Structure formats: structure tokens, C-alpha cells
Amino acid sequence: MGSDDTVRVRPMGGVPPTPKPPISKPRAPEPPRAGFRRQALIGIAIVVAGIAIIGLARLVFDRAPFPLAGERKIALNHPHHLMVFRLRADPLVLVVDCPSLHSQGLMFDRIAALIEKADAPRDRVLSWPELTAAAAAAHQTIGTYYYGNDYSARSLRRFFRIAQRDHQKLDGHERKLQALLERVGYLRAGANGAVISLPAAGAGKQVSMHVRAVILRHEISHGAFFTLPFYRAYTRHFFISVLTPAERDDFRRFLGHEGYDMSNQTLMMNETQAYLVFTRDHEFFTAKAVGLPQATIDQLRADFISHMPNFWLKRLTQKKLPR
């Protein structure tokens, strides 16, 4: 598995973890740690490189076949067929807007199993009967295996390479995704990019327009993690140097309960930033589910936002969800 593999969001399933006594006391506001401050300064310097990446992407993708769209336009869209946008803030992030949960699952579920599911193999692509059985074992269906998806271009290349190697026949939806990736060049070795997806509102009883906006905000943060090296570096520093070992273990347990591969450190870092900072909805994330006091979660979130490099994703932390 590559170091920038995919992650996604779904409503918390099963019985929530039993609340644990706080391992650490709620944090009181304090001066930023020296290392954290240095990381923020480094982020300010290298954010210039990130801006250059985004600017270059705009030039390259101006001739691409998919329109630019901001978060609000995408969130309020009502797709009756598959639609694809480029995220206006970062055109290297493609947004696949699916007309139903089932069609989204047919396009992405086998990739999800290969890349991140704790109980799925990492060295081969599941057959469709195997994937259906895996979803049923998790009390899910093809349509509800995940409610939103996100992948780095590297992870997508890996899926299609392994499927070809093992002569796994692709579903029509997977072939459509492959053709999309070929059009934008993401299947070329070394290409930088990300694909995120979300279902139409009304695609399932749990997908309201509000839930759709929650999913999109979460997935956008993953898109930035995949395409912008300075944001990955910042997230890694926060996870390793700011979270205490006990807090890291709490987040790992929460994510493991959600079915994520706990052995994948990059996956744990990426999911932590997305849930902690960009998923402020009790259907998807609560302090109780992590096993930490609400005051600790609030302080960690404030610390993360306070020292983020000042680029478009930081501004998104202060915006209300589209409605």
C-alpha cells in the first residue's frame, strides 16, 4: 500500500465504543509548543509551493472536459446521472457526483476493500461475490458499504494495475472510472491528483441534503491531503507531535471500530484530521465515540486550526455547511 492511500466517511455503524475514563485531563489554553510553531512557520513558507501547484493545475485543467465548481455548487447539486466536477479551490481534486448509493458502490467499493478495509486483502482485488459477502458481514450492502469515497491517484493506479495483473473483470462503472482517469492523466506514473465522490440526496434514507454536505466537506479535506504535500506534512506533525500517545490510540480505536485498517499510519493521520476538524456532525463523529472529553476534542480542533498554513482549506474550517 502506498503512503497516500484512500479514505472515506460513513455513518458510525454498530454499537459505539464503550466510553472510557479520560486518559488525560481537558487541556487548558497554553502557548503553542515550540515544534508546532516551527511546523507552522515551515508551512507558511512551503504554502507558496502549494499555491504554485494549484495555479499550475488551473492552467493544465482549463482545457480538461470537466467544469470547475465550488463546495456550495457541488453540495446543492441534484445529479440524475453521473456528473464530474473539478474542485475550484484545487482543480487536482475531481469530484464524482453519483445519482445513487448503489452506482457509487459499483464504481468504488472494490477499490475501498483493496486500499483500506481492515478485513480485506491488500494484495488482490476481491471478486464481486467476495465483496458482496464482505459487505453483508459488516451488515452493509453494495450501496451502503461507504457513503462517500476518496482516493489518491496513486491508489487508483494500484487498483487498476492489480486488477489487470490478476485478470479481474471490471464492472461497467469501474470501466467508466478508468476512462475518466485516463482522460485527466491520473493513470500515468507519478501523476498527482485525487478523486472524491458523494451520492445524491435521497439516494438512501440516511442521505439528506445536510448529510450530503457533511460528506462533501469531509472528503474535500482528504482531497487536499492527497494533492498538497505541505498539508500532509502538517497533518503528520500534528498527529505525531501534538497528539499524546494516549490520544493517538483513542483515535485509532475509533477508526478501527469504523472498519479502517489501523496498521496504516497515513490512513490514521488522514482520517483523524478529517473527522476531528471537518466532520462536526454527531451522526458521523462524537467525542464520546473517541473516548475523550468534549473539552479535549474542542482544544485539539482549535490547536489544529490555529496553526494550519493559511490556505483555502483553513478558511473552510470557519464556514458553515452549504444549505
Protein backbone atom coordinates (compact mmCIF):
# COMPACT_ATOMS: atom_id res chain seq x y z
CA MET A 1 0.00 0.00 0.00
CA GLY A 2 1.21 3.46 -0.88
CA SER A 3 1.68 6.13 1.71
CA ASP A 4 -1.17 8.25 0.38
CA ASP A 5 -3.92 5.66 0.20
CA THR A 6 -7.62 6.36 0.20
CA VAL A 7 -10.04 7.13 2.97
CA ARG A 8 -13.72 7.89 3.17
CA VAL A 9 -16.60 8.58 5.54
CA ARG A 10 -19.70 6.67 6.51
CA PRO A 11 -22.17 6.95 9.40
CA MET A 12 -20.86 5.23 12.51
CA GLY A 13 -22.07 1.65 12.45
CA GLY A 14 -22.73 -0.89 15.13
CA VAL A 15 -22.58 -0.21 18.83
CA PRO A 16 -20.49 2.83 19.76
CA PRO A 17 -17.33 2.11 21.75
CA THR A 18 -17.89 1.98 25.48
CA PRO A 19 -16.94 5.38 26.90
CA LYS A 20 -13.60 5.27 28.67
CA PRO A 21 -12.44 7.41 31.57
CA PRO A 22 -10.39 10.34 30.28
CA ILE A 23 -6.78 9.32 29.82
CA SER A 24 -5.73 12.94 30.02
CA LYS A 25 -7.36 15.96 31.60
CA PRO A 26 -9.05 18.51 29.34
CA ARG A 27 -6.44 20.89 28.02
CA ALA A 28 -6.28 24.47 29.17
CA PRO A 29 -5.21 27.04 26.58
CA GLU A 30 -1.44 27.26 26.52
CA PRO A 31 1.30 28.72 24.33
CA PRO A 32 1.91 26.62 21.21
CA ARG A 33 4.59 24.01 21.52
CA ALA A 34 7.87 25.09 20.03
CA GLY A 35 7.89 22.28 17.49
CA PHE A 36 4.33 23.04 16.48
CA ARG A 37 5.24 26.71 15.95
CA ARG A 38 8.22 25.75 13.80
CA GLN A 39 5.99 23.48 11.74
CA ALA A 40 3.54 26.33 11.21
CA LEU A 41 6.36 28.60 10.03
CA ILE A 42 7.60 25.93 7.66
CA GLY A 43 4.02 25.57 6.41
CA ILE A 44 3.84 29.28 5.66
CA ALA A 45 7.00 29.01 3.61
CA ILE A 46 6.03 25.94 1.62
CA VAL A 47 2.43 27.03 1.14
CA VAL A 48 3.89 29.11 -1.70
CA ALA A 49 4.77 25.83 -3.40
CA GLY A 50 1.22 24.63 -2.82
CA ILE A 51 -0.20 27.76 -4.41
CA ALA A 52 2.08 27.18 -7.37
CA ILE A 53 0.80 23.60 -7.67
CA ILE A 54 -2.82 24.78 -7.65
CA GLY A 55 -2.05 27.55 -10.13
CA LEU A 56 -0.36 25.11 -12.50
CA ALA A 57 -3.29 22.74 -12.13
CA ARG A 58 -5.66 25.52 -13.17
CA LEU A 59 -3.62 26.14 -16.31
CA VAL A 60 -3.46 22.45 -17.18
CA PHE A 61 -7.09 21.68 -16.39
CA ASP A 62 -8.55 24.72 -18.13
CA ARG A 63 -8.67 22.51 -21.21
CA ALA A 64 -9.97 19.46 -19.37
CA PRO A 65 -13.54 18.28 -20.04
CA PHE A 66 -14.89 18.76 -16.50
CA PRO A 67 -16.14 22.09 -15.16
CA LEU A 68 -14.80 23.89 -12.10
CA ALA A 69 -17.21 24.10 -9.16
CA GLY A 70 -17.02 25.26 -5.57
CA GLU A 71 -18.22 23.40 -2.50
CA ARG A 72 -21.62 25.10 -2.42
CA LYS A 73 -22.45 24.40 -6.07
CA ILE A 74 -21.49 20.74 -5.68
CA ALA A 75 -23.30 20.26 -2.37
CA LEU A 76 -26.54 21.69 -3.73
CA ASN A 77 -26.37 19.72 -6.98
CA HIS A 78 -29.05 17.09 -7.72
CA PRO A 79 -27.41 14.56 -10.07
CA HIS A 80 -29.77 12.38 -12.09
CA HIS A 81 -26.79 10.81 -13.86
CA LEU A 82 -23.08 10.61 -13.15
CA MET A 83 -21.53 14.10 -13.06
CA VAL A 84 -17.89 15.10 -12.63
CA PHE A 85 -16.50 18.42 -11.40
CA ARG A 86 -13.07 19.81 -10.64
CA LEU A 87 -12.91 21.42 -7.22
CA ARG A 88 -12.46 25.13 -7.82
CA ALA A 89 -10.08 25.62 -4.87
CA ASP A 90 -7.87 22.71 -6.02
CA PRO A 91 -8.51 21.51 -9.58
CA LEU A 92 -6.40 18.39 -8.98
CA VAL A 93 -9.35 17.10 -6.93
CA LEU A 94 -12.03 15.52 -9.13
CA VAL A 95 -15.49 15.21 -7.60
CA VAL A 96 -17.61 12.31 -8.87
CA ASP A 97 -21.27 13.07 -8.11
CA CYS A 98 -23.24 9.82 -8.19
CA PRO A 99 -27.01 9.52 -8.81
CA SER A 100 -27.39 6.69 -6.28
CA LEU A 101 -25.61 4.90 -3.46
CA HIS A 102 -25.66 1.68 -5.46
CA SER A 103 -23.99 3.18 -8.54
CA GLN A 104 -21.37 4.78 -6.28
CA GLY A 105 -20.70 1.40 -4.67
CA LEU A 106 -20.33 -0.34 -8.01
CA MET A 107 -17.72 2.22 -9.00
CA PHE A 108 -15.72 2.40 -5.76
CA ASP A 109 -16.39 -0.48 -3.33
CA ARG A 110 -13.75 -2.89 -4.63
CA ILE A 111 -11.17 -0.11 -4.55
CA ALA A 112 -12.18 0.60 -0.95
CA ALA A 113 -11.72 -3.04 0.01
CA LEU A 114 -8.25 -3.21 -1.53
CA ILE A 115 -6.97 0.05 -0.05
CA GLU A 116 -8.29 0.45 3.47
CA LYS A 117 -10.70 -2.12 4.84
CA ALA A 118 -9.28 -3.91 7.87
CA ASP A 119 -10.59 -7.36 6.93
CA ALA A 120 -9.84 -7.30 3.19
CA PRO A 121 -6.65 -8.42 1.41
CA ARG A 122 -4.05 -5.84 0.38
CA ASP A 123 -2.52 -7.91 -2.42
CA ARG A 124 -5.52 -8.72 -4.60
CA VAL A 125 -8.85 -7.33 -5.78
CA LEU A 126 -11.92 -9.05 -4.34
CA SER A 127 -14.32 -10.67 -6.78
CA TRP A 128 -17.84 -9.28 -6.74
CA PRO A 129 -19.22 -12.30 -4.84
CA GLU A 130 -16.44 -11.80 -2.25
CA LEU A 131 -17.17 -8.09 -1.99
CA THR A 132 -20.90 -8.73 -1.57
CA ALA A 133 -20.16 -11.23 1.20
CA ALA A 134 -17.77 -8.80 2.91
CA ALA A 135 -20.40 -6.05 2.86
CA ALA A 136 -23.03 -8.42 4.23
CA ALA A 137 -20.68 -9.48 7.03
CA ALA A 138 -20.44 -5.81 8.01
CA HIS A 139 -24.26 -5.53 7.84
CA GLN A 140 -23.95 -3.35 4.75
CA THR A 141 -24.84 -3.58 1.06
CA ILE A 142 -23.01 -2.55 -2.08
CA GLY A 143 -24.77 0.79 -1.78
CA THR A 144 -24.07 1.38 1.92
CA TYR A 145 -20.54 -0.06 2.15
CA TYR A 146 -19.43 3.60 2.19
CA TYR A 147 -21.36 6.82 1.85
CA GLY A 148 -18.50 8.82 0.34
CA ASN A 149 -15.13 7.95 -1.14
CA ASP A 150 -11.72 9.49 -1.70
CA TYR A 151 -8.61 8.17 -3.37
CA SER A 152 -5.22 9.40 -4.36
CA ALA A 153 -4.23 8.95 -8.00
CA ARG A 154 -1.55 6.58 -6.74
CA SER A 155 -4.12 4.32 -5.06
CA LEU A 156 -6.28 4.28 -8.16
CA ARG A 157 -3.34 3.28 -10.32
CA ARG A 158 -2.62 0.47 -7.88
CA PHE A 159 -6.17 -0.87 -8.07
CA PHE A 160 -6.29 -0.96 -11.86
CA ARG A 161 -2.77 -2.41 -12.08
CA ILE A 162 -3.62 -5.28 -9.71
CA ALA A 163 -6.96 -5.93 -11.39
CA GLN A 164 -5.19 -6.21 -14.75
CA ARG A 165 -2.46 -8.42 -13.32
CA ASP A 166 -5.00 -10.84 -11.86
CA HIS A 167 -7.34 -10.71 -14.87
CA GLN A 168 -10.18 -9.41 -12.72
CA LYS A 169 -13.04 -8.32 -14.96
CA LEU A 170 -14.07 -4.73 -14.29
CA ASP A 171 -17.67 -3.73 -13.73
CA GLY A 172 -19.09 -1.20 -16.18
CA HIS A 173 -18.93 1.51 -13.51
CA GLU A 174 -15.28 0.70 -12.82
CA ARG A 175 -14.51 0.92 -16.54
CA LYS A 176 -16.21 4.31 -16.61
CA LEU A 177 -13.96 5.46 -13.75
CA GLN A 178 -10.91 4.09 -15.56
CA ALA A 179 -11.83 6.05 -18.70
CA LEU A 180 -12.32 9.21 -16.63
CA LEU A 181 -8.86 8.79 -15.09
CA GLU A 182 -7.28 8.22 -18.47
CA ARG A 183 -8.82 11.49 -19.74
CA VAL A 184 -7.23 13.54 -16.97
CA GLY A 185 -3.93 11.65 -16.93
CA TYR A 186 -4.18 10.20 -13.42
CA LEU A 187 -3.19 6.73 -14.61
CA ARG A 188 0.21 7.98 -15.74
CA ALA A 189 3.08 7.06 -13.42
CA GLY A 190 3.76 9.79 -10.89
CA ALA A 191 0.61 11.83 -11.63
CA ASN A 192 -0.61 13.88 -8.68
CA GLY A 193 -4.34 14.05 -8.10
CA ALA A 194 -7.31 12.81 -6.11
CA VAL A 195 -10.85 11.61 -6.73
CA ILE A 196 -13.65 12.06 -4.21
CA SER A 197 -17.27 11.00 -4.51
CA LEU A 198 -20.65 11.53 -2.89
CA PRO A 199 -24.21 10.27 -3.52
CA ALA A 200 -27.25 12.28 -4.47
CA ALA A 201 -29.57 13.40 -1.67
CA GLY A 202 -32.44 10.97 -1.37
CA ALA A 203 -30.22 8.14 -2.65
CA GLY A 204 -30.84 6.36 0.66
CA LYS A 205 -32.90 7.04 3.75
CA GLN A 206 -29.81 8.41 5.53
CA VAL A 207 -28.72 10.80 2.75
CA SER A 208 -30.38 14.16 3.27
CA MET A 209 -29.04 17.37 1.77
CA HIS A 210 -27.39 18.04 5.15
CA VAL A 211 -25.70 14.63 5.23
CA ARG A 212 -24.56 15.14 1.65
CA ALA A 213 -22.90 18.43 2.69
CA VAL A 214 -21.24 16.74 5.69
CA ILE A 215 -19.83 14.00 3.45
CA LEU A 216 -18.55 16.50 0.89
CA ARG A 217 -16.78 18.68 3.49
CA HIS A 218 -15.08 15.59 4.94
CA GLU A 219 -13.99 14.32 1.53
CA ILE A 220 -12.68 17.73 0.42
CA SER A 221 -10.23 17.67 3.33
CA HIS A 222 -8.96 14.30 2.13
CA GLY A 223 -8.55 15.68 -1.38
CA ALA A 224 -6.26 18.41 -0.03
CA PHE A 225 -4.31 15.84 1.99
CA PHE A 226 -3.66 13.83 -1.16
CA THR A 227 -2.69 16.64 -3.54
CA LEU A 228 -0.79 19.07 -1.26
CA PRO A 229 2.46 17.77 0.28
CA PHE A 230 2.73 20.64 2.77
CA TYR A 231 -0.69 19.80 4.21
CA ARG A 232 0.26 16.13 4.56
CA ALA A 233 3.42 17.23 6.39
CA TYR A 234 1.43 19.49 8.70
CA THR A 235 -1.10 16.73 9.47
CA ARG A 236 1.68 14.25 10.17
CA HIS A 237 3.35 16.65 12.60
CA PHE A 238 0.06 17.22 14.43
CA PHE A 239 -0.67 13.50 14.69
CA ILE A 240 2.81 12.52 15.87
CA SER A 241 3.97 15.54 17.89
CA VAL A 242 0.82 17.26 19.17
CA LEU A 243 -1.49 14.36 20.00
CA THR A 244 -0.33 12.42 23.04
CA PRO A 245 0.29 8.67 22.59
CA ALA A 246 -2.94 8.01 24.50
CA GLU A 247 -4.91 10.36 22.25
CA ARG A 248 -3.48 8.71 19.13
CA ASP A 249 -4.58 5.34 20.47
CA ASP A 250 -8.07 6.70 21.13
CA PHE A 251 -8.39 7.88 17.54
CA ARG A 252 -7.02 4.58 16.24
CA ARG A 253 -9.59 2.64 18.25
CA PHE A 254 -12.40 4.84 16.95
CA LEU A 255 -11.24 4.39 13.35
CA GLY A 256 -10.73 0.65 13.82
CA HIS A 257 -14.29 0.40 15.08
CA GLU A 258 -15.37 2.03 11.83
CA GLY A 259 -13.56 -0.66 9.82
CA TYR A 260 -10.38 1.20 8.85
CA ASP A 261 -7.03 -0.58 8.69
CA MET A 262 -5.38 0.52 11.93
CA SER A 263 -1.95 -0.63 10.74
CA ASN A 264 -1.88 2.07 8.05
CA GLN A 265 -0.35 5.10 9.80
CA THR A 266 -1.05 7.53 6.95
CA LEU A 267 -4.67 6.44 6.85
CA MET A 268 -4.94 7.05 10.59
CA MET A 269 -3.44 10.55 10.26
CA ASN A 270 -5.66 11.47 7.32
CA GLU A 271 -8.86 10.21 8.91
CA THR A 272 -8.03 11.93 12.19
CA GLN A 273 -7.77 15.37 10.57
CA ALA A 274 -10.94 14.81 8.55
CA TYR A 275 -13.08 13.67 11.47
CA LEU A 276 -11.63 16.00 14.10
CA VAL A 277 -11.67 19.22 12.09
CA PHE A 278 -14.04 18.80 9.15
CA THR A 279 -16.80 16.45 10.38
CA ARG A 280 -18.74 18.36 13.02
CA ASP A 281 -21.88 16.28 12.95
CA HIS A 282 -22.93 13.85 15.67
CA GLU A 283 -24.13 11.25 13.19
CA PHE A 284 -20.56 10.83 11.99
CA PHE A 285 -18.28 11.89 14.85
CA THR A 286 -18.53 12.48 18.60
CA ALA A 287 -16.07 12.92 21.44
CA LYS A 288 -17.81 10.03 23.21
CA ALA A 289 -17.09 7.69 20.28
CA VAL A 290 -13.39 8.55 20.50
CA GLY A 291 -13.43 8.17 24.29
CA LEU A 292 -12.15 11.68 25.04
CA PRO A 293 -13.80 14.58 26.88
CA GLN A 294 -15.53 17.13 24.67
CA ALA A 295 -13.21 19.83 26.07
CA THR A 296 -10.18 17.89 24.84
CA ILE A 297 -11.66 17.44 21.36
CA ASP A 298 -12.51 21.15 21.22
CA GLN A 299 -8.98 22.14 22.23
CA LEU A 300 -7.34 19.75 19.77
CA ARG A 301 -9.51 21.09 16.97
CA ALA A 302 -8.66 24.67 17.92
CA ASP A 303 -4.94 23.84 18.05
CA PHE A 304 -5.05 22.22 14.61
CA ILE A 305 -6.88 25.15 13.00
CA SER A 306 -4.82 27.82 14.77
CA HIS A 307 -1.51 26.60 13.36
CA MET A 308 -2.67 25.45 9.91
CA PRO A 309 -0.88 27.01 6.94
CA ASN A 310 -3.06 29.86 5.68
CA PHE A 311 -4.55 28.43 2.51
CA TRP A 312 -8.05 27.75 1.23
CA LEU A 313 -8.72 24.72 3.45
CA LYS A 314 -8.11 26.75 6.60
CA ARG A 315 -10.77 29.21 5.52
CA LEU A 316 -13.14 26.31 5.03
CA THR A 317 -12.90 25.47 8.75
CA GLN A 318 -14.74 28.71 9.55
CA LYS A 319 -17.55 28.32 7.01
CA LYS A 320 -20.97 26.87 7.69
CA LEU A 321 -22.03 23.88 5.63
CA PRO A 322 -23.86 24.74 2.40
CA ARG A 323 -27.62 24.59 2.73
